Protein backbone atom coordinates (compact mmCIF):
# COMPACT_ATOMS: atom_id res chain seq x y z
CA UNK A 1 61.50 17.38 -41.38
CA UNK A 2 63.21 19.68 -42.76
CA UNK A 3 63.22 23.55 -42.38
CA UNK A 4 61.23 24.05 -45.70
CA UNK A 5 58.65 21.48 -44.33
CA UNK A 6 59.87 18.44 -46.85
CA UNK A 7 62.19 15.48 -46.20
CA UNK A 8 64.86 14.07 -48.49
CA UNK A 9 62.66 11.68 -50.00
CA UNK A 10 59.65 14.24 -50.17
CA UNK A 11 62.02 16.38 -52.71
CA UNK A 12 62.39 14.03 -54.97
CA UNK A 13 66.44 12.50 -53.99
CA UNK A 14 65.71 9.00 -52.91
CA UNK A 15 61.56 8.35 -52.75
CA UNK A 16 60.56 5.48 -54.56
CA UNK A 17 57.74 7.17 -56.33
CA UNK A 18 59.62 10.43 -56.96
CA UNK A 19 60.61 11.77 -60.49
CA UNK A 20 64.44 10.39 -60.89
CA UNK A 21 65.22 14.26 -61.60
CA UNK A 22 63.24 15.99 -58.65
CA UNK A 23 59.94 17.01 -57.00
CA UNK A 24 57.16 16.77 -59.10
CA UNK A 25 53.43 16.89 -59.90
CA UNK A 26 51.28 13.98 -59.49
CA UNK A 27 48.14 13.87 -61.29
CA UNK A 28 44.77 12.77 -59.23
CA UNK A 29 41.35 12.66 -59.45
CA UNK A 30 38.82 12.74 -56.08
CA UNK A 31 35.79 11.43 -57.01
CA UNK A 32 32.52 14.37 -58.15
CA UNK A 33 29.34 13.20 -56.86
CA UNK A 34 27.62 15.48 -58.86
CA UNK A 35 28.02 18.35 -60.35
CA UNK A 36 25.52 21.37 -61.22
CA UNK A 37 25.89 24.73 -63.72
CA UNK A 38 26.46 28.06 -61.76
CA UNK A 39 26.65 29.82 -65.23
CA UNK A 40 26.91 28.82 -69.22
CA UNK A 41 26.29 30.81 -71.70
CA UNK A 42 27.56 31.47 -75.12
CA UNK A 43 31.18 32.51 -74.13
CA UNK A 44 33.87 29.71 -74.50
CA UNK A 45 34.06 29.54 -70.62
CA UNK A 46 31.37 28.18 -68.01
CA UNK A 47 31.31 27.88 -64.33
CA UNK A 48 30.38 24.59 -62.52
CA UNK A 49 29.87 23.27 -58.77
CA UNK A 50 31.12 19.97 -58.04
CA UNK A 51 30.53 17.94 -54.97
CA UNK A 52 33.86 16.77 -54.30
CA UNK A 53 34.59 13.27 -51.82
CA UNK A 54 37.56 12.88 -49.76
CA UNK A 55 39.44 9.69 -51.34
CA UNK A 56 38.53 7.85 -47.89
CA UNK A 57 34.84 8.92 -48.27
CA UNK A 58 35.22 11.01 -44.63
CA UNK A 59 34.07 14.06 -45.96
CA UNK A 60 32.54 15.62 -49.30
CA UNK A 61 32.46 19.69 -49.92
CA UNK A 62 31.29 21.73 -52.88
CA UNK A 63 34.06 23.66 -55.09
CA UNK A 64 33.68 25.64 -58.15
CA UNK A 65 35.25 25.63 -60.73
CA UNK A 66 35.88 27.80 -64.26
CA UNK A 67 35.69 25.45 -67.29
CA UNK A 68 38.02 26.75 -69.65
CA UNK A 69 39.59 26.20 -72.86
CA UNK A 70 43.34 27.16 -72.66
CA UNK A 71 45.38 29.81 -73.79
CA UNK A 72 48.35 30.14 -75.96
CA UNK A 73 51.19 32.95 -75.37
CA UNK A 74 53.94 34.08 -77.85
CA UNK A 75 57.42 35.08 -77.09
CA UNK A 76 58.83 36.43 -80.14
CA UNK A 77 62.45 37.34 -80.13
CA UNK A 78 64.32 39.26 -83.20
CA UNK A 79 67.77 38.90 -83.70
CA UNK A 80 68.10 42.17 -81.77
CA UNK A 81 67.07 39.93 -78.52
CA UNK A 82 63.71 42.55 -79.14
CA UNK A 83 60.97 41.07 -77.76
CA UNK A 84 57.20 42.26 -79.65
CA UNK A 85 54.77 43.05 -76.88
CA UNK A 86 51.28 44.37 -77.34
CA UNK A 87 49.73 47.75 -75.11
CA UNK A 88 46.01 46.68 -74.38
CA UNK A 89 43.15 47.73 -72.40
CA UNK A 90 42.00 44.91 -69.80
CA UNK A 91 38.51 46.43 -68.31
CA UNK A 92 38.80 43.81 -65.33
CA UNK A 93 41.64 45.43 -64.23
CA UNK A 94 41.37 48.77 -65.35
CA UNK A 95 44.72 49.20 -66.66
CA UNK A 96 46.71 48.92 -70.24
CA UNK A 97 48.81 46.51 -69.82
CA UNK A 98 52.29 45.24 -71.52
CA UNK A 99 51.31 42.15 -72.77
CA UNK A 100 52.58 39.47 -75.16
CA UNK A 101 50.38 38.30 -77.96
CA UNK A 102 48.09 35.66 -76.86
CA UNK A 103 44.53 34.18 -77.29
CA UNK A 104 42.16 31.51 -76.16
CA UNK A 105 42.40 27.90 -77.59
CA UNK A 106 38.65 28.27 -78.52
CA UNK A 107 38.44 26.50 -81.92
CA UNK A 108 37.57 22.95 -80.48
CA UNK A 109 40.63 20.47 -81.08
CA UNK A 110 42.62 22.85 -82.06
CA UNK A 111 46.89 22.26 -81.29
CA UNK A 112 47.89 25.01 -79.24
CA UNK A 113 51.44 25.33 -81.59
CA UNK A 114 48.92 26.48 -84.34
CA UNK A 115 46.77 28.78 -82.49
CA UNK A 116 49.83 30.28 -81.50
CA UNK A 117 51.27 30.87 -84.92
CA UNK A 118 47.90 32.43 -85.84
CA UNK A 119 47.76 34.66 -82.34
CA UNK A 120 51.45 36.28 -83.31
CA UNK A 121 49.92 36.50 -87.13
CA UNK A 122 46.65 38.55 -86.14
CA UNK A 123 47.46 40.21 -83.25
CA UNK A 124 51.43 41.08 -84.15
CA UNK A 125 51.32 40.98 -88.03
CA UNK A 126 54.35 38.64 -87.41
CA UNK A 127 55.00 35.39 -88.83
CA UNK A 128 58.08 32.90 -87.33
CA UNK A 129 60.11 29.77 -88.71
CA UNK A 130 61.67 28.80 -85.57
CA UNK A 131 58.95 27.55 -82.80
CA UNK A 132 59.75 26.68 -79.11
CA UNK A 133 57.62 25.17 -76.45
CA UNK A 134 58.57 27.22 -73.13
CA UNK A 135 56.35 25.67 -70.59
CA UNK A 136 52.46 25.13 -69.85
CA UNK A 137 51.26 25.74 -66.41
CA UNK A 138 48.23 25.57 -65.00
CA UNK A 139 47.01 29.15 -64.62
CA UNK A 140 44.67 29.25 -61.57
CA UNK A 141 44.24 25.12 -60.68
CA UNK A 142 42.21 26.26 -57.52
CA UNK A 143 39.50 27.13 -59.43
CA UNK A 144 40.02 27.32 -63.00
CA UNK A 145 40.87 24.18 -65.97
CA UNK A 146 42.69 27.05 -67.77
CA UNK A 147 46.26 25.94 -68.83
CA UNK A 148 48.58 27.93 -70.78
CA UNK A 149 51.12 27.16 -73.36
CA UNK A 150 53.80 29.44 -73.87
CA UNK A 151 55.93 29.57 -77.05
CA UNK A 152 59.24 31.27 -78.00
CA UNK A 153 59.00 32.41 -81.76
CA UNK A 154 62.39 32.76 -83.78
CA UNK A 155 62.94 33.44 -87.10
CA UNK A 156 60.63 36.66 -87.29
CA UNK A 157 59.27 37.88 -90.69
CA UNK A 158 56.67 41.25 -91.19
CA UNK A 159 53.04 39.88 -92.65
CA UNK A 160 50.93 43.50 -92.65
CA UNK A 161 48.11 41.66 -94.15
CA UNK A 162 47.39 39.70 -90.70
CA UNK A 163 45.74 37.07 -92.64
CA UNK A 164 42.52 38.69 -93.03
CA UNK A 165 42.59 39.51 -89.41
CA UNK A 166 40.43 42.87 -88.43
CA UNK A 167 41.02 44.14 -84.33
CA UNK A 168 37.95 45.33 -83.06
CA UNK A 169 36.56 46.06 -79.11
CA UNK A 170 39.77 46.85 -77.86
CA UNK A 171 42.17 44.84 -79.70
CA UNK A 172 41.00 47.88 -82.05
CA UNK A 173 43.25 49.91 -79.67
CA UNK A 174 45.74 47.89 -79.08
CA UNK A 175 49.55 49.24 -80.47
CA UNK A 176 52.34 46.90 -81.18
CA UNK A 177 56.01 47.31 -80.17
CA UNK A 178 59.70 46.14 -80.18
CA UNK A 179 61.68 46.34 -76.64
CA UNK A 180 64.62 45.08 -75.74
CA UNK A 181 64.52 41.55 -73.59
CA UNK A 182 66.42 43.41 -71.09
CA UNK A 183 64.48 46.20 -70.51
CA UNK A 184 61.21 43.74 -69.86
CA UNK A 185 62.96 41.87 -67.36
CA UNK A 186 64.22 44.93 -65.48
CA UNK A 187 60.60 45.81 -66.00
CA UNK A 188 59.35 42.56 -64.99
CA UNK A 189 61.70 42.45 -61.32
CA UNK A 190 60.93 46.28 -60.64
CA UNK A 191 57.39 44.89 -60.62
CA UNK A 192 56.53 47.96 -63.43
CA UNK A 193 55.01 44.95 -65.84
CA UNK A 194 52.44 43.03 -64.05
CA UNK A 195 50.97 40.87 -67.26
CA UNK A 196 51.75 36.87 -65.14
CA UNK A 197 52.43 35.64 -68.60
CA UNK A 198 54.54 38.15 -69.86
CA UNK A 199 56.18 37.97 -66.71
CA UNK A 200 56.35 33.85 -66.82
CA UNK A 201 57.80 34.70 -70.61
CA UNK A 202 60.41 36.41 -69.60
CA UNK A 203 62.22 35.04 -66.19
CA UNK A 204 62.02 31.67 -68.05
CA UNK A 205 63.73 33.19 -70.79
CA UNK A 206 65.96 34.71 -68.60
CA UNK A 207 66.16 31.70 -66.11
CA UNK A 208 67.37 29.35 -68.84
CA UNK A 209 69.29 31.61 -71.19
CA UNK A 210 67.45 30.46 -74.37
CA UNK A 211 69.25 31.90 -77.25
């Protein structure tokens, strides 16, 4: 084994079952012997307990699963390399975060891009002409089914009507700001900004040199 614990075949440069361009996740589905609801209500998510079996049948164990429809995040960048961000209070973390426009995929069967366009309009009062999918990542795969789709939006234009959207609760206190991308990157790297979707989008943008 290499010092990192991977052989060259494991790293994707020779193993017959590896993707040609490198190491990759491998879809699998282990047998589920039974499932029972822990909590299910009106919210767009639920919690269940699955009894999972090892593929060879040697053992079974329980695993909690948060059923989650997924989410979208929008990195809206204008011609001056400024990013539209929100300041919003999050009760669970007792923090007012700097975030990107985002929302749940809580409309059954809705295309994530359609949801992303709606969230940018409702939360940022902005529409965009150019859309690029940056990433689709599992948020907490050890516990949750949530997958987060992050989009880059360019060719921005204001729409003060917000499509008729009226913010309530925490969103009623939400404020919108335009911040230079370089300032956001510095904030993420220094730890001053700690919202995961924002950090992922900003670091992805910086690493790939997207323009």
